[in-house]
Amino acid sequence: MGKFTGVLIASDFDNTLVFTEDALKGLGPMPELLPENREAIEYFMAEGGIFSIATGRALPSFNGVRQGLPMNGPTILFNGAAIYDFRTNEYLCTAFLPDTVRPHITQVLDAWPEAAVELYHDDNAIFAVHANELTEAHLHLTHEPTTLLDSVDQAPSPISKALFEIVPEKMDALYRYVSTQPWASQYEIVSSSSYLLELTARGACKGDMVRRLADMLHIAPRNLYCVGDHANDIGMLMASAIPFAPENAIESVRRVPGVHILPDARKGAVAALIRELDARY
């Protein structure tokens, strides 16, 4: 028993726990976890707290960076399409896309030939259709092998999520196109970076999955704390007893009601969050 027993922190990974934007742009290697973040998380866990990651990354790409990360709770993957326990190497909960998504993805690619899509499969495989330079940049960040396909129909089932890639200046138009289709209500559609648009099954979002995770761990809503920097994090911030965001968060995140702005991710945002909780408990 410790002062944080019964407390759960769910943290986004990219540009929240670790600032990866420069690596994504090819400007440097994948950075390591800041020592102040590591020390704070280890202290939080030693005092009984549960620390989990909620990431848009797929199982293979997160598996490549999780080694050495201090965490003792299950991980939310695929932007909320699954909860995975790395201790037992098993899914605790999944909400993958139905096979009926295939013609919808194909429609988007036909309408936006400059866009690429990565399709994530639950056996640690990633497939890409219409791969472009943005696909290459994303793979530079994740360091995961990807199989190039000629069509969406060649990808095996189930597809956990689809990740469209397009240049930032066209992202808003692509989002409007996808979100106004007659079939859009069947899915969660959210931007996870300036050039990534995620498509997951309805209910497969960080907000819903962090609530499921808290229920699994018997965490009271008043003891659930979430931190994130981008639009795909807003749902879980709304579930947080106190929503937290690093200084580098996008404007829509900074407008979440009651949000507490932390230092930039490059300056130990998660360590600052834990210091704030330390003063509260």
C-alpha atoms as a PDB file:
ATOM      1  CA  MET A   1       0.000   0.000   0.000  1.00  0.00           C
ATOM      2  CA  GLY A   2       1.183   3.481  -0.819  1.00  0.00           C
ATOM      3  CA  LYS A   3      -0.192   6.971  -1.271  1.00  0.00           C
ATOM      4  CA  PHE A   4      -1.062   6.243  -4.936  1.00  0.00           C
ATOM      5  CA  THR A   5      -2.757   2.877  -4.397  1.00  0.00           C
ATOM      6  CA  GLY A   6      -5.921   2.877  -6.507  1.00  0.00           C
ATOM      7  CA  VAL A   7      -4.651   5.665  -8.805  1.00  0.00           C
ATOM      8  CA  LEU A   8      -4.206   5.194 -12.573  1.00  0.00           C
ATOM      9  CA  ILE A   9      -2.280   7.429 -14.963  1.00  0.00           C
ATOM     10  CA  ALA A  10      -2.878   6.848 -18.689  1.00  0.00           C
ATOM     11  CA  SER A  11      -0.309   8.728 -20.767  1.00  0.00           C
ATOM     12  CA  ASP A  12      -0.062   9.219 -24.500  1.00  0.00           C
ATOM     13  CA  PHE A  13       3.374   8.222 -25.791  1.00  0.00           C
ATOM     14  CA  ASP A  14       4.439  10.278 -28.824  1.00  0.00           C
ATOM     15  CA  ASN A  15       5.047  13.955 -28.010  1.00  0.00           C
ATOM     16  CA  THR A  16       3.694  13.519 -24.483  1.00  0.00           C
ATOM     17  CA  LEU A  17       5.791  10.966 -22.618  1.00  0.00           C
ATOM     18  CA  VAL A  18       8.559  11.117 -25.227  1.00  0.00           C
ATOM     19  CA  PHE A  19       8.920  13.932 -27.767  1.00  0.00           C
ATOM     20  CA  THR A  20       9.290  12.094 -31.083  1.00  0.00           C
ATOM     21  CA  GLU A  21       8.428  14.828 -33.580  1.00  0.00           C
ATOM     22  CA  ASP A  22      12.019  15.426 -34.627  1.00  0.00           C
ATOM     23  CA  ALA A  23      12.572  11.704 -35.206  1.00  0.00           C
ATOM     24  CA  LEU A  24       9.372  11.601 -37.239  1.00  0.00           C
ATOM     25  CA  LYS A  25      10.713  14.339 -39.505  1.00  0.00           C
ATOM     26  CA  GLY A  26      13.990  12.506 -39.937  1.00  0.00           C
ATOM     27  CA  LEU A  27      15.902  15.095 -37.929  1.00  0.00           C
ATOM     28  CA  GLY A  28      17.317  12.714 -35.375  1.00  0.00           C
ATOM     29  CA  PRO A  29      17.134   9.269 -33.743  1.00  0.00           C
ATOM     30  CA  MET A  30      14.308   8.082 -31.537  1.00  0.00           C
ATOM     31  CA  PRO A  31      14.888   9.856 -28.190  1.00  0.00           C
ATOM     32  CA  GLU A  32      15.049   8.051 -24.881  1.00  0.00           C
ATOM     33  CA  LEU A  33      12.754   8.645 -21.931  1.00  0.00           C
ATOM     34  CA  LEU A  34      13.894  11.683 -19.949  1.00  0.00           C
ATOM     35  CA  PRO A  35      15.517  10.723 -16.625  1.00  0.00           C
ATOM     36  CA  GLU A  36      13.117  12.973 -14.684  1.00  0.00           C
ATOM     37  CA  ASN A  37      10.133  11.205 -16.233  1.00  0.00           C
ATOM     38  CA  ARG A  38      11.592   7.791 -15.435  1.00  0.00           C
ATOM     39  CA  GLU A  39      12.326   8.732 -11.835  1.00  0.00           C
ATOM     40  CA  ALA A  40       8.853  10.193 -11.310  1.00  0.00           C
ATOM     41  CA  ILE A  41       7.056   7.187 -12.833  1.00  0.00           C
ATOM     42  CA  GLU A  42       9.104   4.745 -10.782  1.00  0.00           C
ATOM     43  CA  TYR A  43       8.244   6.732  -7.646  1.00  0.00           C
ATOM     44  CA  PHE A  44       4.543   6.753  -8.604  1.00  0.00           C
ATOM     45  CA  MET A  45       4.537   2.970  -9.094  1.00  0.00           C
ATOM     46  CA  ALA A  46       6.529   2.325  -5.905  1.00  0.00           C
ATOM     47  CA  GLU A  47       3.796   4.206  -4.033  1.00  0.00           C
ATOM     48  CA  GLY A  48       1.130   1.868  -5.404  1.00  0.00           C
ATOM     49  CA  GLY A  49       0.115   3.739  -8.570  1.00  0.00           C
ATOM     50  CA  ILE A  50      -0.612   2.099 -11.929  1.00  0.00           C
ATOM     51  CA  PHE A  51       1.055   3.681 -14.962  1.00  0.00           C
ATOM     52  CA  SER A  52      -0.232   2.796 -18.438  1.00  0.00           C
ATOM     53  CA  ILE A  53       0.374   4.019 -21.972  1.00  0.00           C
ATOM     54  CA  ALA A  54      -2.508   4.895 -24.317  1.00  0.00           C
ATOM     55  CA  THR A  55      -1.062   5.149 -27.803  1.00  0.00           C
ATOM     56  CA  GLY A  56      -2.122   5.305 -31.411  1.00  0.00           C
ATOM     57  CA  ARG A  57       0.736   2.960 -32.196  1.00  0.00           C
ATOM     58  CA  ALA A  58       0.122  -0.623 -33.248  1.00  0.00           C
ATOM     59  CA  LEU A  59       1.404  -3.578 -31.253  1.00  0.00           C
ATOM     60  CA  PRO A  60       4.561  -4.057 -33.359  1.00  0.00           C
ATOM     61  CA  SER A  61       5.570  -0.404 -33.421  1.00  0.00           C
ATOM     62  CA  PHE A  62       4.979   0.105 -29.698  1.00  0.00           C
ATOM     63  CA  ASN A  63       6.654  -3.182 -28.863  1.00  0.00           C
ATOM     64  CA  GLY A  64       9.790  -1.714 -30.392  1.00  0.00           C
ATOM     65  CA  VAL A  65       9.919   1.165 -27.889  1.00  0.00           C
ATOM     66  CA  ARG A  66       8.335  -0.283 -24.753  1.00  0.00           C
ATOM     67  CA  GLN A  67      11.512  -2.098 -23.687  1.00  0.00           C
ATOM     68  CA  GLY A  68      12.839  -0.265 -20.666  1.00  0.00           C
ATOM     69  CA  LEU A  69       9.773   1.920 -20.191  1.00  0.00           C
ATOM     70  CA  PRO A  70       8.619   1.960 -16.559  1.00  0.00           C
ATOM     71  CA  MET A  71       4.983   0.858 -16.685  1.00  0.00           C
ATOM     72  CA  ASN A  72       2.999  -1.651 -14.669  1.00  0.00           C
ATOM     73  CA  GLY A  73      -0.455  -1.446 -16.270  1.00  0.00           C
ATOM     74  CA  PRO A  74      -1.881  -2.796 -19.538  1.00  0.00           C
ATOM     75  CA  THR A  75      -1.418  -0.729 -22.691  1.00  0.00           C
ATOM     76  CA  ILE A  76      -4.103   0.827 -24.886  1.00  0.00           C
ATOM     77  CA  LEU A  77      -3.027   0.280 -28.499  1.00  0.00           C
ATOM     78  CA  PHE A  78      -4.231   1.143 -32.009  1.00  0.00           C
ATOM     79  CA  ASN A  79      -5.673   4.454 -30.801  1.00  0.00           C
ATOM     80  CA  GLY A  80      -8.171   2.608 -28.627  1.00  0.00           C
ATOM     81  CA  ALA A  81      -8.883  -0.526 -30.664  1.00  0.00           C
ATOM     82  CA  ALA A  82      -7.319  -2.826 -28.062  1.00  0.00           C
ATOM     83  CA  ILE A  83      -6.003  -3.228 -24.537  1.00  0.00           C
ATOM     84  CA  TYR A  84      -2.894  -5.407 -24.406  1.00  0.00           C
ATOM     85  CA  ASP A  85      -1.060  -6.892 -21.426  1.00  0.00           C
ATOM     86  CA  PHE A  86       2.657  -7.158 -22.193  1.00  0.00           C
ATOM     87  CA  ARG A  87       3.240  -9.194 -19.032  1.00  0.00           C
ATOM     88  CA  THR A  88       1.114 -12.063 -20.368  1.00  0.00           C
ATOM     89  CA  ASN A  89       1.398 -11.179 -24.070  1.00  0.00           C
ATOM     90  CA  GLU A  90      -2.345 -11.227 -24.634  1.00  0.00           C
ATOM     91  CA  TYR A  91      -5.175  -8.941 -25.631  1.00  0.00           C
ATOM     92  CA  LEU A  92      -7.532  -8.135 -22.769  1.00  0.00           C
ATOM     93  CA  CYS A  93     -10.034  -6.332 -24.976  1.00  0.00           C
ATOM     94  CA  THR A  94     -10.350  -5.693 -28.723  1.00  0.00           C
ATOM     95  CA  ALA A  95     -12.614  -3.611 -30.943  1.00  0.00           C
ATOM     96  CA  PHE A  96     -11.274  -4.203 -34.437  1.00  0.00           C
ATOM     97  CA  LEU A  97     -12.749  -2.984 -37.704  1.00  0.00           C
ATOM     98  CA  PRO A  98     -15.463  -5.038 -39.449  1.00  0.00           C
ATOM     99  CA  ASP A  99     -14.590  -6.449 -42.870  1.00  0.00           C
ATOM    100  CA  THR A 100     -17.179  -4.131 -44.370  1.00  0.00           C
ATOM    101  CA  VAL A 101     -14.624  -1.330 -43.959  1.00  0.00           C
ATOM    102  CA  ARG A 102     -12.674  -2.449 -47.033  1.00  0.00           C
ATOM    103  CA  PRO A 103     -14.797  -0.744 -49.724  1.00  0.00           C
ATOM    104  CA  HIS A 104     -14.903   2.402 -47.598  1.00  0.00           C
ATOM    105  CA  ILE A 105     -11.106   2.581 -47.383  1.00  0.00           C
ATOM    106  CA  THR A 106     -10.869   1.877 -51.110  1.00  0.00           C
ATOM    107  CA  GLN A 107     -13.344   4.691 -51.812  1.00  0.00           C
ATOM    108  CA  VAL A 108     -11.161   7.145 -49.903  1.00  0.00           C
ATOM    109  CA  LEU A 109      -8.024   6.073 -51.785  1.00  0.00           C
ATOM    110  CA  ASP A 110      -9.829   6.372 -55.127  1.00  0.00           C
ATOM    111  CA  ALA A 111     -11.015   9.886 -54.231  1.00  0.00           C
ATOM    112  CA  TRP A 112      -7.615  10.890 -52.816  1.00  0.00           C
ATOM    113  CA  PRO A 113      -4.954   9.178 -54.976  1.00  0.00           C
ATOM    114  CA  GLU A 114      -2.217  11.207 -53.247  1.00  0.00           C
ATOM    115  CA  ALA A 115      -3.105   9.609 -49.899  1.00  0.00           C
ATOM    116  CA  ALA A 116      -1.581   6.420 -48.531  1.00  0.00           C
ATOM    117  CA  VAL A 117      -3.065   4.052 -45.981  1.00  0.00           C
ATOM    118  CA  GLU A 118      -1.439   1.743 -43.474  1.00  0.00           C
ATOM    119  CA  LEU A 119      -3.561  -1.221 -42.390  1.00  0.00           C
ATOM    120  CA  TYR A 120      -2.787  -2.779 -39.037  1.00  0.00           C
ATOM    121  CA  HIS A 121      -3.380  -6.461 -38.394  1.00  0.00           C
ATOM    122  CA  ASP A 122      -3.464  -8.021 -34.949  1.00  0.00           C
ATOM    123  CA  ASP A 123      -0.712 -10.564 -35.692  1.00  0.00           C
ATOM    124  CA  ASN A 124       1.946  -7.806 -35.566  1.00  0.00           C
ATOM    125  CA  ALA A 125       1.784  -7.198 -39.320  1.00  0.00           C
ATOM    126  CA  ILE A 126       1.434  -3.826 -41.066  1.00  0.00           C
ATOM    127  CA  PHE A 127       0.365  -3.395 -44.687  1.00  0.00           C
ATOM    128  CA  ALA A 128       0.418  -0.298 -46.878  1.00  0.00           C
ATOM    129  CA  VAL A 129      -1.532   0.675 -49.990  1.00  0.00           C
ATOM    130  CA  HIS A 130      -0.513   3.682 -52.120  1.00  0.00           C
ATOM    131  CA  ALA A 131       2.641   4.026 -49.983  1.00  0.00           C
ATOM    132  CA  ASN A 132       4.261   7.450 -50.329  1.00  0.00           C
ATOM    133  CA  GLU A 133       7.008   9.543 -48.744  1.00  0.00           C
ATOM    134  CA  LEU A 134       4.838  10.055 -45.657  1.00  0.00           C
ATOM    135  CA  THR A 135       4.625   6.300 -45.209  1.00  0.00           C
ATOM    136  CA  GLU A 136       8.415   6.166 -45.324  1.00  0.00           C
ATOM    137  CA  ALA A 137       8.660   8.938 -42.708  1.00  0.00           C
ATOM    138  CA  HIS A 138       6.228   7.147 -40.405  1.00  0.00           C
ATOM    139  CA  LEU A 139       8.132   3.886 -40.757  1.00  0.00           C
ATOM    140  CA  HIS A 140      11.336   5.748 -39.928  1.00  0.00           C
ATOM    141  CA  LEU A 141       9.728   6.574 -36.595  1.00  0.00           C
ATOM    142  CA  THR A 142       8.261   3.136 -35.863  1.00  0.00           C
ATOM    143  CA  HIS A 143      11.086   1.079 -37.406  1.00  0.00           C
ATOM    144  CA  GLU A 144       8.593  -1.627 -38.372  1.00  0.00           C
ATOM    145  CA  PRO A 145       8.624  -3.650 -41.626  1.00  0.00           C
ATOM    146  CA  THR A 146       5.582  -3.083 -43.793  1.00  0.00           C
ATOM    147  CA  THR A 147       4.237  -5.207 -46.644  1.00  0.00           C
ATOM    148  CA  LEU A 148       3.248  -3.181 -49.702  1.00  0.00           C
ATOM    149  CA  LEU A 149      -0.060  -4.176 -51.280  1.00  0.00           C
ATOM    150  CA  ASP A 150      -1.816  -3.246 -54.521  1.00  0.00           C
ATOM    151  CA  SER A 151      -5.267  -3.151 -52.926  1.00  0.00           C
ATOM    152  CA  VAL A 152      -7.021  -3.125 -49.561  1.00  0.00           C
ATOM    153  CA  ASP A 153      -8.595  -6.506 -50.336  1.00  0.00           C
ATOM    154  CA  GLN A 154      -5.176  -8.155 -50.168  1.00  0.00           C
ATOM    155  CA  ALA A 155      -4.813  -7.339 -46.457  1.00  0.00           C
ATOM    156  CA  PRO A 156      -5.733 -10.175 -44.063  1.00  0.00           C
ATOM    157  CA  SER A 157      -8.519  -9.917 -41.501  1.00  0.00           C
ATOM    158  CA  PRO A 158      -9.046  -8.517 -38.977  1.00  0.00           C
ATOM    159  CA  ILE A 159      -7.881  -4.968 -39.580  1.00  0.00           C
ATOM    160  CA  SER A 160      -7.436  -3.268 -36.232  1.00  0.00           C
ATOM    161  CA  LYS A 161      -7.189   0.247 -37.656  1.00  0.00           C
ATOM    162  CA  ALA A 162      -6.604   2.145 -40.885  1.00  0.00           C
ATOM    163  CA  LEU A 163      -4.170   5.053 -40.898  1.00  0.00           C
ATOM    164  CA  PHE A 164      -4.448   7.494 -43.806  1.00  0.00           C
ATOM    165  CA  GLU A 165      -1.382   9.620 -44.588  1.00  0.00           C
ATOM    166  CA  ILE A 166      -1.546  12.889 -46.494  1.00  0.00           C
ATOM    167  CA  VAL A 167       0.397  16.151 -46.526  1.00  0.00           C
ATOM    168  CA  PRO A 168      -0.628  18.506 -43.686  1.00  0.00           C
ATOM    169  CA  GLU A 169      -2.116  21.170 -45.968  1.00  0.00           C
ATOM    170  CA  LYS A 170      -4.669  18.637 -47.242  1.00  0.00           C
ATOM    171  CA  MET A 171      -5.483  17.014 -43.874  1.00  0.00           C
ATOM    172  CA  ASP A 172      -8.513  19.182 -43.074  1.00  0.00           C
ATOM    173  CA  ALA A 173     -10.067  18.483 -46.479  1.00  0.00           C
ATOM    174  CA  LEU A 174      -9.453  14.743 -46.141  1.00  0.00           C
ATOM    175  CA  TYR A 175     -10.983  14.745 -42.684  1.00  0.00           C
ATOM    176  CA  ARG A 176     -14.086  16.565 -43.977  1.00  0.00           C
ATOM    177  CA  TYR A 177     -14.407  14.111 -46.850  1.00  0.00           C
ATOM    178  CA  VAL A 178     -14.183  10.993 -44.675  1.00  0.00           C
ATOM    179  CA  SER A 179     -16.366  12.336 -41.857  1.00  0.00           C
ATOM    180  CA  THR A 180     -19.212  13.340 -44.201  1.00  0.00           C
ATOM    181  CA  GLN A 181     -19.583   9.979 -45.952  1.00  0.00           C
ATOM    182  CA  PRO A 182     -22.849   8.056 -45.342  1.00  0.00           C
ATOM    183  CA  TRP A 183     -20.866   5.310 -43.620  1.00  0.00           C
ATOM    184  CA  ALA A 184     -18.845   7.626 -41.352  1.00  0.00           C
ATOM    185  CA  SER A 185     -21.037   7.007 -38.287  1.00  0.00           C
ATOM    186  CA  GLN A 186     -19.818   3.384 -38.219  1.00  0.00           C
ATOM    187  CA  TYR A 187     -16.321   4.505 -37.227  1.00  0.00           C
ATOM    188  CA  GLU A 188     -14.182   6.687 -35.016  1.00  0.00           C
ATOM    189  CA  ILE A 189     -12.410   9.228 -37.242  1.00  0.00           C
ATOM    190  CA  VAL A 190      -9.694  11.341 -35.669  1.00  0.00           C
ATOM    191  CA  SER A 191      -6.467  13.080 -36.587  1.00  0.00           C
ATOM    192  CA  SER A 192      -3.491  11.859 -34.563  1.00  0.00           C
ATOM    193  CA  SER A 193      -0.898  14.176 -36.133  1.00  0.00           C
ATOM    194  CA  SER A 194      -0.691  16.845 -38.802  1.00  0.00           C
ATOM    195  CA  TYR A 195      -0.561  14.182 -41.510  1.00  0.00           C
ATOM    196  CA  LEU A 196      -2.205  11.083 -39.968  1.00  0.00           C
ATOM    197  CA  LEU A 197      -5.951  10.363 -39.993  1.00  0.00           C
ATOM    198  CA  GLU A 198      -7.077   7.318 -38.030  1.00  0.00           C
ATOM    199  CA  LEU A 199     -10.094   5.135 -38.718  1.00  0.00           C
ATOM    200  CA  THR A 200     -11.139   2.654 -36.037  1.00  0.00           C
ATOM    201  CA  ALA A 201     -14.347   0.817 -35.154  1.00  0.00           C
ATOM    202  CA  ARG A 202     -17.092   2.792 -33.429  1.00  0.00           C
ATOM    203  CA  GLY A 203     -16.238   2.881 -29.735  1.00  0.00           C
ATOM    204  CA  ALA A 204     -12.592   2.039 -30.423  1.00  0.00           C
ATOM    205  CA  CYS A 205     -11.128   5.278 -29.118  1.00  0.00           C
ATOM    206  CA  LYS A 206      -8.837   6.226 -26.274  1.00  0.00           C
ATOM    207  CA  GLY A 207     -11.718   7.698 -24.272  1.00  0.00           C
ATOM    208  CA  ASP A 208     -13.825   4.538 -24.236  1.00  0.00           C
ATOM    209  CA  MET A 209     -10.852   2.240 -23.756  1.00  0.00           C
ATOM    210  CA  VAL A 210      -9.366   4.176 -20.860  1.00  0.00           C
ATOM    211  CA  ARG A 211     -12.724   3.882 -19.093  1.00  0.00           C
ATOM    212  CA  ARG A 212     -12.710   0.121 -19.754  1.00  0.00           C
ATOM    213  CA  LEU A 213      -9.176  -0.120 -18.450  1.00  0.00           C
ATOM    214  CA  ALA A 214     -10.107   1.745 -15.268  1.00  0.00           C
ATOM    215  CA  ASP A 215     -13.058  -0.622 -14.766  1.00  0.00           C
ATOM    216  CA  MET A 216     -10.812  -3.663 -15.290  1.00  0.00           C
ATOM    217  CA  LEU A 217      -8.399  -2.359 -12.665  1.00  0.00           C
ATOM    218  CA  HIS A 218     -11.179  -1.262 -10.266  1.00  0.00           C
ATOM    219  CA  ILE A 219     -10.042   2.364 -10.431  1.00  0.00           C
ATOM    220  CA  ALA A 220     -12.600   4.951  -9.325  1.00  0.00           C
ATOM    221  CA  PRO A 221     -13.197   7.771 -11.855  1.00  0.00           C
ATOM    222  CA  ARG A 222     -11.903  10.305  -9.325  1.00  0.00           C
ATOM    223  CA  ASN A 223      -8.520   8.516  -9.373  1.00  0.00           C
ATOM    224  CA  LEU A 224      -8.094   8.313 -13.165  1.00  0.00           C
ATOM    225  CA  TYR A 225      -5.694  10.848 -14.708  1.00  0.00           C
ATOM    226  CA  CYS A 226      -4.897  11.172 -18.410  1.00  0.00           C
ATOM    227  CA  VAL A 227      -2.379  13.239 -20.334  1.00  0.00           C
ATOM    228  CA  GLY A 228      -2.063  13.785 -24.086  1.00  0.00           C
ATOM    229  CA  ASP A 229      -1.182  16.306 -26.764  1.00  0.00           C
ATOM    230  CA  HIS A 230      -3.321  15.675 -29.851  1.00  0.00           C
ATOM    231  CA  ALA A 231      -6.920  15.373 -31.043  1.00  0.00           C
ATOM    232  CA  ASN A 232      -6.994  11.597 -30.572  1.00  0.00           C
ATOM    233  CA  ASP A 233      -6.322  12.189 -26.858  1.00  0.00           C
ATOM    234  CA  ILE A 234      -9.301  14.471 -26.225  1.00  0.00           C
ATOM    235  CA  GLY A 235     -11.683  11.593 -25.454  1.00  0.00           C
ATOM    236  CA  MET A 236      -9.503  10.235 -22.683  1.00  0.00           C
ATOM    237  CA  LEU A 237      -8.845  13.732 -21.348  1.00  0.00           C
ATOM    238  CA  MET A 238     -12.616  14.121 -21.001  1.00  0.00           C
ATOM    239  CA  ALA A 239     -12.615  10.919 -18.917  1.00  0.00           C
ATOM    240  CA  SER A 240      -9.827  12.170 -16.658  1.00  0.00           C
ATOM    241  CA  ALA A 241     -10.520  13.443 -13.145  1.00  0.00           C
ATOM    242  CA  ILE A 242      -8.172  16.267 -14.121  1.00  0.00           C
ATOM    243  CA  PRO A 243      -7.174  16.470 -17.810  1.00  0.00           C
ATOM    244  CA  PHE A 244      -3.496  17.184 -18.408  1.00  0.00           C
ATOM    245  CA  ALA A 245      -1.639  18.292 -21.540  1.00  0.00           C
ATOM    246  CA  PRO A 246       1.975  19.233 -22.278  1.00  0.00           C
ATOM    247  CA  GLU A 247       2.774  22.776 -23.371  1.00  0.00           C
ATOM    248  CA  ASN A 248       3.337  21.506 -26.934  1.00  0.00           C
ATOM    249  CA  ALA A 249      -0.280  20.241 -27.228  1.00  0.00           C
ATOM    250  CA  ILE A 250      -2.404  21.425 -30.152  1.00  0.00           C
ATOM    251  CA  GLU A 251      -4.933  24.194 -29.562  1.00  0.00           C
ATOM    252  CA  SER A 252      -8.032  21.954 -29.412  1.00  0.00           C
ATOM    253  CA  VAL A 253      -6.414  19.967 -26.587  1.00  0.00           C
ATOM    254  CA  ARG A 254      -5.527  23.145 -24.747  1.00  0.00           C
ATOM    255  CA  ARG A 255      -9.227  24.102 -24.892  1.00  0.00           C
ATOM    256  CA  VAL A 256     -10.432  20.937 -23.114  1.00  0.00           C
ATOM    257  CA  PRO A 257     -12.476  22.129 -20.097  1.00  0.00           C
ATOM    258  CA  GLY A 258     -10.400  22.202 -16.927  1.00  0.00           C
ATOM    259  CA  VAL A 259      -7.175  21.147 -18.632  1.00  0.00           C
ATOM    260  CA  HIS A 260      -3.969  21.644 -16.670  1.00  0.00           C
ATOM    261  CA  ILE A 261      -1.085  22.669 -18.923  1.00  0.00           C
ATOM    262  CA  LEU A 262       2.215  21.005 -18.025  1.00  0.00           C
ATOM    263  CA  PRO A 263       5.714  21.817 -19.261  1.00  0.00           C
ATOM    264  CA  ASP A 264       6.639  20.847 -22.813  1.00  0.00           C
ATOM    265  CA  ALA A 265       7.128  17.122 -23.431  1.00  0.00           C
ATOM    266  CA  ARG A 266      10.827  17.878 -23.945  1.00  0.00           C
ATOM    267  CA  LYS A 267      10.952  19.281 -20.407  1.00  0.00           C
ATOM    268  CA  GLY A 268       9.406  16.430 -18.425  1.00  0.00           C
ATOM    269  CA  ALA A 269       5.626  16.881 -18.726  1.00  0.00           C
ATOM    270  CA  VAL A 270       4.799  13.540 -17.087  1.00  0.00           C
ATOM    271  CA  ALA A 271       7.197  14.198 -14.202  1.00  0.00           C
ATOM    272  CA  ALA A 272       5.383  17.502 -13.612  1.00  0.00           C
ATOM    273  CA  LEU A 273       2.020  15.694 -13.619  1.00  0.00           C
ATOM    274  CA  ILE A 274       3.227  13.265 -10.961  1.00  0.00           C
ATOM    275  CA  ARG A 275       4.568  16.121  -8.852  1.00  0.00           C
ATOM    276  CA  GLU A 276       1.132  17.701  -8.999  1.00  0.00           C
ATOM    277  CA  LEU A 277      -0.529  14.431  -7.926  1.00  0.00           C
ATOM    278  CA  ASP A 278       2.053  14.053  -5.184  1.00  0.00           C
ATOM    279  CA  ALA A 279       0.834  17.325  -3.715  1.00  0.00           C
ATOM    280  CA  ARG A 280      -2.807  16.192  -3.946  1.00  0.00           C
ATOM    281  CA  TYR A 281      -2.554  12.757  -2.280  1.00  0.00           C
END
